[in-house]
Every structure is written in C-alpha cells, then in structure tokens.
Protein backbone atom coordinates (compact mmCIF):
# COMPACT_ATOMS: atom_id res chain seq x y z
CA MET A 1 -10.62 -23.55 0.72
CA ASP A 2 -10.04 -22.90 -2.95
CA LYS A 3 -6.79 -21.94 -4.61
CA GLN A 4 -7.85 -18.30 -5.07
CA GLU A 5 -8.56 -17.90 -1.34
CA GLU A 6 -5.27 -19.55 -0.45
CA GLN A 7 -3.42 -17.18 -2.75
CA ALA A 8 -5.24 -14.16 -1.28
CA LEU A 9 -4.30 -15.30 2.23
CA GLU A 10 -0.64 -15.67 1.24
CA MET A 11 -0.60 -12.26 -0.44
CA GLY A 12 -2.23 -10.72 2.64
CA ASP A 13 0.35 -12.30 4.93
CA ALA A 14 3.20 -11.07 2.74
CA ALA A 15 1.69 -7.57 2.54
CA GLN A 16 1.29 -7.45 6.33
CA LYS A 17 4.94 -8.35 6.81
CA LEU A 18 6.02 -5.65 4.38
CA ILE A 19 3.81 -2.97 5.95
CA ALA A 20 5.10 -3.89 9.41
CA ASP A 21 8.75 -3.81 8.31
CA PRO A 22 10.35 -0.65 9.76
CA THR A 23 12.82 -0.34 6.89
CA PHE A 24 10.05 -0.48 4.30
CA THR A 25 8.00 2.08 6.22
CA GLU A 26 10.99 4.39 6.59
CA VAL A 27 11.85 4.20 2.89
CA VAL A 28 8.26 4.83 1.80
CA ASN A 29 7.89 7.74 4.22
CA THR A 30 11.17 9.25 3.04
CA LEU A 31 10.14 8.95 -0.60
CA VAL A 32 6.66 10.38 0.08
CA GLU A 33 8.15 13.32 1.96
CA GLY A 34 10.69 13.89 -0.82
CA SER A 35 8.06 13.90 -3.53
CA PHE A 36 5.86 16.20 -1.47
CA GLN A 37 8.76 18.60 -0.95
CA GLN A 38 9.55 18.55 -4.67
CA PHE A 39 5.92 19.38 -5.40
CA VAL A 40 5.62 22.28 -2.95
CA ASN A 41 9.02 23.68 -3.87
CA SER A 42 8.45 23.50 -7.61
CA LYS A 43 7.68 26.69 -9.44
CA PRO A 44 4.16 27.24 -10.75
CA GLU A 45 5.64 27.90 -14.18
CA SER A 46 7.13 24.37 -14.15
CA PRO A 47 4.06 22.16 -14.53
CA GLN A 48 6.15 19.19 -15.69
CA ASP A 49 8.15 19.21 -12.44
CA ARG A 50 4.97 19.54 -10.39
CA GLU A 51 3.27 16.73 -12.31
CA ARG A 52 6.28 14.45 -11.96
CA ALA A 53 6.41 15.01 -8.19
CA TYR A 54 2.66 14.49 -7.87
CA ASN A 55 2.78 11.26 -9.88
CA ALA A 56 5.63 9.95 -7.74
CA TYR A 57 3.60 10.72 -4.61
CA ARG A 58 0.49 9.04 -6.04
CA GLY A 59 2.49 5.96 -7.05
CA LEU A 60 3.85 5.53 -3.56
CA THR A 61 0.48 5.99 -1.89
CA ASP A 62 -1.05 3.53 -4.37
CA ILE A 63 1.54 0.91 -3.41
CA VAL A 64 0.73 1.29 0.29
CA ALA A 65 -3.03 1.27 -0.40
CA THR A 66 -2.69 -1.93 -2.44
CA LEU A 67 -0.77 -3.62 0.36
CA GLN A 68 -3.39 -2.51 2.89
CA GLN A 69 -6.15 -3.81 0.62
CA ARG A 70 -4.48 -7.22 0.45
CA VAL A 71 -4.36 -7.34 4.24
CA ALA A 72 -8.04 -6.35 4.41
CA VAL A 73 -8.99 -9.09 1.95
CA ARG A 74 -7.06 -11.64 3.99
CA ASP A 75 -8.74 -10.48 7.18
CA GLN A 76 -12.18 -10.72 5.56
CA ILE A 77 -11.50 -14.26 4.34
CA LEU A 78 -10.38 -15.28 7.83
CA ALA A 79 -13.42 -13.62 9.43
CA ASN A 80 -15.76 -15.38 7.01
CA ARG A 81 -14.06 -18.67 7.73
CA ASP A 82 -14.45 -18.15 11.49
CA ASN A 83 -18.14 -17.28 11.05
CA ASN A 84 -18.73 -20.40 8.94
CA GLU A 85 -17.04 -22.61 11.51
CA GLU A 86 -19.19 -21.19 14.33
CA GLU A 87 -22.40 -22.05 12.49
C-alpha cells in the first residue's frame, strides 16, 4: 500500500468517527436548521441577508459531503484491496 492510500484510509477513518459522533451531528443539524430559518425568514428586499444564510447552509452541507466522500474513498480502497486478495 502506498502512502497516498494509507493517508486516504486514515482520513476516511477520522471522517467516519466525526460523522458518527452525536455531538458533531447535533451541532451541524442545529447550524443547518438555523441557517435555513434565517433564509426563509429573511425579507425579499434583503438579498444580502438571504445570501449570507444560503452561503452558511451551503458551507455546512459541503463539510458533511466532504466527510462522506472521504469515507466513500476509504471504503472503495478497502473493497479494492479485498478483491485483489481474493484473486
């Protein structure tokens, strides 16, 4: 296994732990809900407020998506390794 694969496995493990942590999940969900509420409760004549709330929401969802992607990469590496060992 090369260094890049090892690093991807470690990042995937760390991401999985973070995603599974109830405190992390609760904080992210609270922040997502807060940014969504700010967006829907902002006035149409306040585009800066709406944009700020939308960007906060997108940032949070991007963090979660990145963590999920790291887990997926780890899982793919492990699956490839298992397939190579079976051959």
